[in-house]
Protein backbone atom coordinates (compact mmCIF):
# COMPACT_ATOMS: atom_id res chain seq x y z
CA MET A 1 28.16 -1.89 5.43
CA LYS A 2 29.26 -5.46 4.00
CA THR A 3 32.25 -6.90 5.09
CA LEU A 4 35.72 -6.18 3.24
CA THR A 5 36.78 -9.92 2.48
CA LYS A 6 38.71 -10.94 -0.31
CA THR A 7 36.16 -11.95 -2.77
CA ARG A 8 34.28 -8.53 -2.00
CA CYS A 9 37.59 -6.73 -3.15
CA MET A 10 37.97 -8.60 -6.04
CA SER A 11 34.30 -7.91 -7.41
CA LEU A 12 34.60 -4.33 -6.29
CA LEU A 13 37.97 -4.07 -8.44
CA ASP A 14 36.30 -5.86 -11.00
CA ASP A 15 33.59 -3.47 -11.40
CA ILE A 16 35.28 -0.42 -11.49
CA ALA A 17 37.54 -1.90 -14.42
CA GLY A 18 34.14 -2.82 -16.42
CA TYR A 19 33.19 0.83 -15.83
CA ALA A 20 36.39 1.89 -17.17
CA HIS A 21 36.30 -0.07 -20.18
CA ARG A 22 32.43 1.03 -20.97
CA ALA A 23 33.68 4.59 -20.60
CA ASN A 24 35.56 4.50 -24.05
CA ILE A 25 38.73 5.40 -22.73
CA GLY A 26 41.39 5.88 -25.25
CA PRO A 27 44.05 3.05 -25.39
CA ASN A 28 46.70 4.70 -22.93
CA GLY A 29 43.97 5.35 -20.47
CA ILE A 30 43.38 1.57 -20.53
CA ASN A 31 46.97 0.68 -20.46
CA GLU A 32 47.10 2.56 -17.05
CA ILE A 33 44.25 1.34 -15.89
CA ASN A 34 45.25 -2.19 -16.69
CA GLU A 35 48.46 -1.38 -14.66
CA ASP A 36 46.43 0.01 -11.79
CA TYR A 37 44.05 -2.84 -11.73
CA ASN A 38 47.29 -5.74 -11.65
CA GLU A 39 48.40 -3.33 -8.70
CA LEU A 40 45.28 -3.30 -6.70
CA LYS A 41 44.79 -7.01 -7.12
CA LYS A 42 48.29 -7.91 -6.22
CA LEU A 43 47.66 -5.83 -3.02
CA ILE A 44 44.52 -6.84 -2.26
CA GLU A 45 46.04 -10.68 -2.86
CA GLU A 46 49.10 -9.83 -0.62
CA HIS A 47 46.60 -8.26 2.04
CA PHE A 48 44.41 -11.42 2.37
CA THR A 49 47.16 -14.23 1.82
CA PRO A 50 50.27 -12.80 3.81
CA GLN A 51 53.54 -14.28 2.69
CA PRO A 52 55.77 -15.29 5.05
CA LEU A 53 58.63 -12.93 5.47
CA LYS A 54 62.23 -13.32 4.81
CA PHE A 55 65.58 -12.85 7.20
CA GLU A 56 66.42 -9.53 5.61
CA ASP A 57 62.50 -7.90 6.22
CA LEU A 58 63.16 -8.55 9.92
CA LYS A 59 63.48 -4.96 11.49
CA GLU A 60 63.98 -4.03 15.26
CA ASP A 61 61.06 -3.41 16.86
CA MET A 62 59.05 -4.82 14.64
CA PHE A 63 56.03 -7.35 15.30
CA VAL A 64 55.84 -10.49 13.72
CA ILE A 65 53.83 -13.51 14.10
CA ASP A 66 55.91 -16.53 14.90
CA VAL A 67 53.89 -19.48 13.89
CA ALA A 68 56.44 -22.57 15.35
CA PHE A 69 55.39 -20.45 18.66
CA ARG A 70 51.62 -19.63 17.54
CA THR A 71 52.66 -15.81 19.21
CA ILE A 72 53.39 -12.32 18.06
CA ILE A 73 57.20 -11.46 19.28
CA GLN A 74 59.10 -7.95 19.05
CA ILE A 75 61.82 -8.03 17.05
CA LYS A 76 65.26 -6.72 18.90
CA GLY A 77 67.74 -7.27 16.43
CA THR A 78 69.05 -9.97 14.02
CA ASP A 79 72.68 -11.31 13.31
CA LYS A 80 72.76 -11.73 9.59
CA SER A 81 75.90 -14.12 9.71
CA THR A 82 74.41 -16.38 11.80
CA THR A 83 70.39 -15.89 11.20
CA ARG A 84 70.14 -15.14 14.81
CA ILE A 85 66.84 -13.24 15.71
CA ASP A 86 66.90 -11.39 19.38
CA PHE A 87 63.53 -10.84 20.55
CA ILE A 88 60.70 -10.30 23.20
CA ASP A 89 57.66 -12.44 23.76
CA HIS A 90 54.26 -12.11 24.79
CA ASP A 91 55.49 -12.43 28.58
CA MET A 92 57.40 -9.67 28.06
CA GLU A 93 60.69 -12.43 28.25
CA GLU A 94 63.59 -12.12 26.16
CA ALA A 95 64.83 -14.75 24.27
CA ILE A 96 66.89 -16.04 21.04
CA THR A 97 65.84 -18.12 18.11
CA TYR A 98 67.33 -18.46 14.56
CA PHE A 99 65.39 -18.02 11.56
CA GLN A 100 63.39 -20.54 9.75
CA ASN A 101 61.65 -20.25 6.27
CA GLY A 102 57.86 -19.84 6.72
CA ARG A 103 58.18 -19.22 10.20
CA PHE A 104 57.80 -15.29 10.39
CA TYR A 105 54.75 -13.74 9.17
CA PRO A 106 53.77 -9.75 8.79
CA ILE A 107 51.19 -8.44 10.99
CA THR A 108 49.87 -4.28 11.04
CA ILE A 109 49.75 -2.85 14.60
CA PRO A 110 48.40 0.52 14.05
CA LYS A 111 50.87 3.27 15.76
CA VAL A 112 48.71 5.09 18.34
CA MET A 113 50.67 7.65 19.58
CA GLU A 114 53.98 9.67 19.43
CA GLU A 115 57.06 9.35 21.53
């Protein structure tokens, strides 16, 4: 099985769009295919090129990458009036920082068990 890289995903998406266009689908079907194609293309782009989080995106118990310290932190709380962020670092130490544009990025941690 080939690794799913951004290039491979985009190539597969283009192949699917090509199959649909060659199938002589009516105008409404083509419009739906184009909309779906654009949404999937956007999703692939976001997955392989993550964008920094905004302050409003930071939620309690969320894990994020802190590029300033090159580590993963867990958000414990935020204060909108001061943009203060309470978090736990990789050493399980509680700390605070303040929001900076381009500093925090999303990561995906699978939920492996219910509480």
